[in-house]
Protein backbone atom coordinates (compact mmCIF):
# COMPACT_ATOMS: atom_id res chain seq x y z
CA UNK A 1 211.26 -119.46 -83.94
CA UNK A 2 209.95 -116.34 -85.66
CA UNK A 3 212.39 -113.50 -86.03
CA UNK A 4 212.70 -111.08 -83.12
CA UNK A 5 211.62 -107.52 -83.14
CA UNK A 6 212.75 -105.67 -86.24
CA UNK A 7 214.50 -102.40 -85.68
CA UNK A 8 214.83 -99.53 -88.13
CA UNK A 9 216.61 -96.23 -87.99
CA UNK A 10 215.45 -92.76 -88.90
CA UNK A 11 216.61 -89.31 -88.11
CA UNK A 12 215.13 -86.59 -86.00
CA UNK A 13 216.07 -83.23 -84.49
CA UNK A 14 217.71 -83.17 -81.07
CA UNK A 15 217.42 -80.40 -78.55
CA UNK A 16 220.19 -78.40 -80.28
CA UNK A 17 218.56 -78.48 -83.68
CA UNK A 18 220.69 -81.35 -84.86
CA UNK A 19 219.09 -84.43 -86.32
CA UNK A 20 220.02 -87.74 -84.71
CA UNK A 21 218.93 -91.34 -85.08
CA UNK A 22 215.35 -92.29 -83.84
CA UNK A 23 214.71 -95.92 -82.95
CA UNK A 24 211.30 -97.42 -83.97
CA UNK A 25 210.10 -100.85 -82.72
CA UNK A 26 207.69 -103.27 -84.43
CA UNK A 27 205.95 -106.09 -82.54
CA UNK A 28 205.38 -109.39 -84.26
CA UNK A 29 203.44 -112.46 -83.04
CA UNK A 30 205.49 -115.38 -81.95
CA UNK A 31 204.80 -118.73 -83.55
CA UNK A 32 202.99 -121.49 -81.67
CA UNK A 33 206.22 -123.32 -81.20
CA UNK A 34 207.37 -120.41 -79.04
CA UNK A 35 204.81 -121.37 -76.33
CA UNK A 36 205.73 -124.39 -74.25
CA UNK A 37 203.58 -127.49 -74.77
CA UNK A 38 202.59 -127.58 -71.10
CA UNK A 39 201.29 -124.02 -71.36
CA UNK A 40 199.32 -124.85 -74.48
CA UNK A 41 197.74 -127.85 -72.75
CA UNK A 42 196.83 -125.74 -69.73
CA UNK A 43 195.20 -123.11 -71.94
CA UNK A 44 193.24 -125.75 -73.88
CA UNK A 45 191.94 -127.28 -70.66
CA UNK A 46 190.95 -123.85 -69.41
CA UNK A 47 189.00 -123.19 -72.61
CA UNK A 48 187.24 -126.55 -72.27
CA UNK A 49 186.28 -125.77 -68.67
CA UNK A 50 184.85 -122.43 -69.69
CA UNK A 51 182.85 -124.06 -72.49
CA UNK A 52 181.51 -126.78 -70.18
CA UNK A 53 180.51 -124.16 -67.60
CA UNK A 54 178.72 -122.07 -70.22
CA UNK A 55 176.99 -125.00 -71.95
CA UNK A 56 174.09 -125.43 -69.43
CA UNK A 57 173.36 -121.72 -69.57
CA UNK A 58 173.36 -121.79 -73.35
CA UNK A 59 170.99 -124.78 -73.37
CA UNK A 60 168.69 -123.13 -70.82
CA UNK A 61 168.61 -119.94 -72.86
CA UNK A 62 167.76 -121.94 -75.97
CA UNK A 63 164.98 -123.83 -74.23
CA UNK A 64 163.50 -120.63 -72.81
CA UNK A 65 163.67 -118.99 -76.18
CA UNK A 66 161.96 -121.95 -77.84
CA UNK A 67 159.30 -122.03 -75.11
CA UNK A 68 158.67 -118.33 -75.59
CA UNK A 69 158.33 -118.83 -79.32
CA UNK A 70 155.87 -121.70 -78.84
CA UNK A 71 153.84 -119.72 -76.28
CA UNK A 72 153.71 -116.76 -78.61
CA UNK A 73 152.53 -118.98 -81.47
CA UNK A 74 149.86 -120.63 -79.30
CA UNK A 75 148.58 -117.61 -77.37
CA UNK A 76 149.65 -114.54 -79.25
CA UNK A 77 148.70 -115.41 -82.79
CA UNK A 78 145.73 -116.86 -84.62
CA UNK A 79 147.79 -119.78 -85.86
CA UNK A 80 146.10 -122.20 -83.42
CA UNK A 81 142.80 -120.39 -82.96
CA UNK A 82 139.41 -122.03 -82.43
CA UNK A 83 137.74 -122.58 -85.77
CA UNK A 84 135.15 -125.18 -84.73
CA UNK A 85 133.13 -126.11 -81.64
CA UNK A 86 132.04 -129.70 -82.18
CA UNK A 87 129.05 -130.94 -80.16
CA UNK A 88 128.51 -134.60 -79.29
CA UNK A 89 125.66 -136.32 -77.46
CA UNK A 90 123.08 -133.54 -77.77
CA UNK A 91 119.51 -134.51 -78.65
CA UNK A 92 117.22 -132.50 -76.38
CA UNK A 93 119.27 -129.37 -77.01
CA UNK A 94 120.55 -128.25 -80.38
CA UNK A 95 124.19 -127.83 -81.34
CA UNK A 96 123.49 -124.12 -81.80
CA UNK A 97 122.25 -123.83 -78.21
CA UNK A 98 125.36 -125.59 -76.94
CA UNK A 99 127.68 -123.34 -78.97
CA UNK A 100 125.86 -120.25 -77.78
CA UNK A 101 126.19 -121.38 -74.17
CA UNK A 102 129.88 -122.23 -74.67
CA UNK A 103 130.46 -118.61 -75.80
CA UNK A 104 133.86 -119.27 -77.40
CA UNK A 105 134.87 -116.45 -79.80
CA UNK A 106 135.91 -117.58 -83.25
CA UNK A 107 139.68 -117.51 -83.53
CA UNK A 108 140.31 -117.40 -79.78
CA UNK A 109 143.59 -119.17 -78.87
CA UNK A 110 142.85 -122.87 -78.49
CA UNK A 111 145.54 -123.30 -75.84
CA UNK A 112 144.07 -120.51 -73.73
CA UNK A 113 140.49 -121.83 -73.68
CA UNK A 114 139.18 -122.32 -70.12
CA UNK A 115 137.71 -125.80 -70.52
CA UNK A 116 136.18 -125.93 -67.03
CA UNK A 117 134.43 -122.58 -67.49
CA UNK A 118 133.06 -123.65 -70.88
CA UNK A 119 131.77 -126.90 -69.36
CA UNK A 120 130.04 -124.96 -66.57
CA UNK A 121 128.33 -122.66 -69.04
CA UNK A 122 127.08 -125.56 -71.16
CA UNK A 123 126.05 -127.43 -68.00
CA UNK A 124 123.81 -124.49 -67.18
CA UNK A 125 121.41 -125.50 -69.95
CA UNK A 126 118.35 -127.09 -68.28
CA UNK A 127 118.50 -130.32 -70.28
CA UNK A 128 122.23 -130.84 -69.76
CA UNK A 129 123.27 -132.88 -66.73
CA UNK A 130 126.99 -132.40 -67.35
CA UNK A 131 129.41 -131.45 -70.11
CA UNK A 132 133.04 -132.33 -70.79
CA UNK A 133 135.16 -130.08 -73.02
CA UNK A 134 138.42 -131.15 -74.66
CA UNK A 135 140.80 -129.70 -77.25
CA UNK A 136 141.16 -131.28 -80.67
CA UNK A 137 144.29 -129.79 -82.20
CA UNK A 138 144.92 -127.77 -84.18
CA UNK A 139 141.71 -125.73 -84.22
CA UNK A 140 138.68 -127.40 -82.56
CA UNK A 141 136.95 -127.75 -79.21
CA UNK A 142 134.85 -130.86 -78.55
CA UNK A 143 131.87 -130.52 -76.18
CA UNK A 144 130.51 -133.90 -75.04
CA UNK A 145 127.07 -133.49 -73.49
CA UNK A 146 125.26 -135.86 -71.14
CA UNK A 147 121.59 -134.95 -71.07
CA UNK A 148 119.11 -135.47 -68.26
CA UNK A 149 116.84 -138.53 -68.32
CA UNK A 150 113.17 -137.94 -67.59
CA UNK A 151 111.54 -140.14 -64.94
CA UNK A 152 108.16 -138.41 -64.54
CA UNK A 153 105.90 -135.78 -66.06
CA UNK A 154 104.16 -133.16 -63.93
CA UNK A 155 101.02 -131.38 -65.24
CA UNK A 156 101.38 -127.59 -65.33
CA UNK A 157 98.17 -126.09 -66.70
CA UNK A 158 97.74 -127.35 -70.26
CA UNK A 159 101.37 -128.49 -70.46
CA UNK A 160 103.64 -131.04 -68.83
CA UNK A 161 107.07 -130.47 -67.35
CA UNK A 162 109.56 -133.33 -67.27
CA UNK A 163 111.70 -133.99 -64.20
CA UNK A 164 114.76 -136.20 -63.86
CA UNK A 165 115.74 -138.53 -61.02
CA UNK A 166 116.94 -135.58 -58.93
CA UNK A 167 113.69 -133.65 -59.39
CA UNK A 168 115.18 -131.10 -61.80
CA UNK A 169 112.67 -129.63 -64.25
CA UNK A 170 114.41 -129.58 -67.63
CA UNK A 171 111.77 -129.77 -70.33
CA UNK A 172 108.27 -128.49 -71.08
CA UNK A 173 105.96 -130.35 -73.48
CA UNK A 174 102.48 -129.58 -74.81
CA UNK A 175 101.23 -133.10 -74.01
CA UNK A 176 102.08 -136.02 -71.76
CA UNK A 177 105.22 -137.78 -72.99
CA UNK A 178 104.96 -141.47 -73.76
CA UNK A 179 106.54 -143.86 -71.30
CA UNK A 180 106.68 -141.48 -68.34
CA UNK A 181 104.40 -141.74 -65.30
CA UNK A 182 102.43 -138.69 -64.25
CA UNK A 183 103.14 -137.17 -60.83
CA UNK A 184 100.82 -134.48 -59.50
CA UNK A 185 102.77 -131.93 -57.45
CA UNK A 186 102.33 -128.32 -56.47
CA UNK A 187 105.91 -127.12 -57.04
CA UNK A 188 108.24 -129.72 -58.61
CA UNK A 189 111.92 -129.21 -57.98
CA UNK A 190 115.02 -130.80 -56.46
CA UNK A 191 114.50 -128.99 -53.13
CA UNK A 192 110.81 -129.83 -52.85
CA UNK A 193 110.00 -132.51 -50.27
CA UNK A 194 106.90 -133.67 -52.14
CA UNK A 195 108.95 -134.13 -55.30
CA UNK A 196 111.54 -136.23 -53.48
CA UNK A 197 108.81 -138.35 -51.88
CA UNK A 198 107.15 -139.01 -55.24
CA UNK A 199 110.47 -140.04 -56.76
CA UNK A 200 111.09 -142.44 -53.87
CA UNK A 201 107.73 -144.07 -54.50
CA UNK A 202 108.32 -144.40 -58.22
CA UNK A 203 111.71 -145.99 -57.59
CA UNK A 204 110.24 -148.93 -55.63
CA UNK A 205 107.16 -149.74 -57.72
CA UNK A 206 106.98 -153.29 -58.99
CA UNK A 207 106.50 -153.91 -62.73
CA UNK A 208 102.85 -154.83 -62.06
CA UNK A 209 102.12 -151.57 -60.26
CA UNK A 210 103.99 -149.52 -62.83
CA UNK A 211 102.15 -151.19 -65.71
CA UNK A 212 98.77 -150.25 -64.23
CA UNK A 213 99.73 -146.82 -62.94
CA UNK A 214 97.84 -143.76 -64.11
CA UNK A 215 99.39 -141.18 -61.79
CA UNK A 216 100.89 -140.50 -58.38
CA UNK A 217 99.37 -137.68 -56.35
CA UNK A 218 101.25 -136.09 -53.48
CA UNK A 219 98.82 -134.03 -51.39
CA UNK A 220 101.28 -133.98 -48.49
CA UNK A 221 104.34 -135.86 -47.31
CA UNK A 222 102.09 -138.41 -45.56
CA UNK A 223 99.28 -138.32 -48.14
CA UNK A 224 100.54 -140.06 -51.24
CA UNK A 225 98.14 -141.98 -53.47
CA UNK A 226 98.49 -144.11 -56.59
CA UNK A 227 95.67 -144.24 -59.12
CA UNK A 228 95.50 -147.36 -61.27
CA UNK A 229 93.96 -147.92 -64.70
CA UNK A 230 90.88 -149.75 -63.36
CA UNK A 231 90.04 -146.68 -61.23
CA UNK A 232 91.37 -148.29 -58.09
CA UNK A 233 93.39 -146.28 -55.61
CA UNK A 234 96.37 -147.40 -53.57
CA UNK A 235 96.74 -145.30 -50.43
CA UNK A 236 100.48 -145.16 -49.89
CA UNK A 237 100.78 -142.80 -46.96
CA UNK A 238 104.34 -141.48 -46.65
CA UNK A 239 107.41 -142.60 -48.56
CA UNK A 240 108.82 -144.83 -45.84
CA UNK A 241 108.92 -148.64 -46.16
CA UNK A 242 108.35 -148.28 -49.88
CA UNK A 243 109.56 -151.77 -50.80
CA UNK A 244 107.19 -153.41 -48.28
CA UNK A 245 104.25 -151.32 -49.48
CA UNK A 246 104.96 -152.13 -53.11
CA UNK A 247 105.16 -155.86 -52.38
CA UNK A 248 101.91 -155.92 -50.38
CA UNK A 249 100.01 -153.78 -52.89
CA UNK A 250 101.11 -156.02 -55.76
CA UNK A 251 99.93 -159.12 -53.91
CA UNK A 252 96.48 -157.55 -53.44
CA UNK A 253 95.88 -156.46 -57.03
CA UNK A 254 93.69 -159.51 -57.63
CA UNK A 255 91.37 -158.68 -54.72
CA UNK A 256 88.01 -157.06 -55.26
CA UNK A 257 88.49 -153.63 -53.73
CA UNK A 258 88.29 -150.04 -54.90
CA UNK A 259 90.88 -148.89 -52.37
CA UNK A 260 93.99 -150.69 -51.15
CA UNK A 261 95.45 -148.96 -48.13
CA UNK A 262 99.07 -149.96 -47.54
CA UNK A 263 100.05 -146.88 -45.55
CA UNK A 264 100.71 -149.35 -42.71
CA UNK A 265 101.92 -152.38 -44.67
CA UNK A 266 101.62 -154.71 -41.66
CA UNK A 267 97.90 -153.92 -41.32
CA UNK A 268 96.34 -153.55 -44.79
CA UNK A 269 92.86 -152.16 -45.35
CA UNK A 270 90.67 -152.99 -48.35
CA UNK A 271 87.58 -150.99 -49.17
């Protein structure tokens, strides 16, 4: 056991002016062997409980701090900024047009890029049917473009506009494009009834009719005509029963007639 409190003596004045002894105490720390073993074990267990209770909070604070650091690096600095917008699948539109439509500032945080908004902006290009935008870490955006497929060409003055299967006008050309049938319409568009009727007719034509087709004219929803290469005309009527009309008209291609009227496919008229 460590020695007890040490005492020293000194002198001092008493109330009558006489100097008497003054007692001064000094505290010293007791050695570990002065604390009972049971007390030491209790204190150790208490410390362990406090450490275990504080550990989850310490871990949570560390995770939050790390997450804040990562978020700051991704969003608050130019460390992971956009340095490239890579375009894939574009042929009818140029990569420059796609990048301009994407409107992503150089160096903008890659993690903060609104991919859906970028895809909508690129999808607004007439020739683009849809666009998908993804991140390519550490510094690139990839824009994958699916372009519209032309199914018909519509004369517009001295030019031709190309429409897809939904009737969307997405391209203008100075001459008729190869491989596309000509459809004569007043106002082509996805909401135009005449456009939808013409597309329904084109969809059911047999290979024989398509091979000899010059153009499809829609004068009204019930006045659709096909002009063939030998100057014959197929009167189609409206767009209903298209498969029956196509089958009957194909079977009559060998007949001598300038006009094949299949508007009522059960009662065909040849003229």
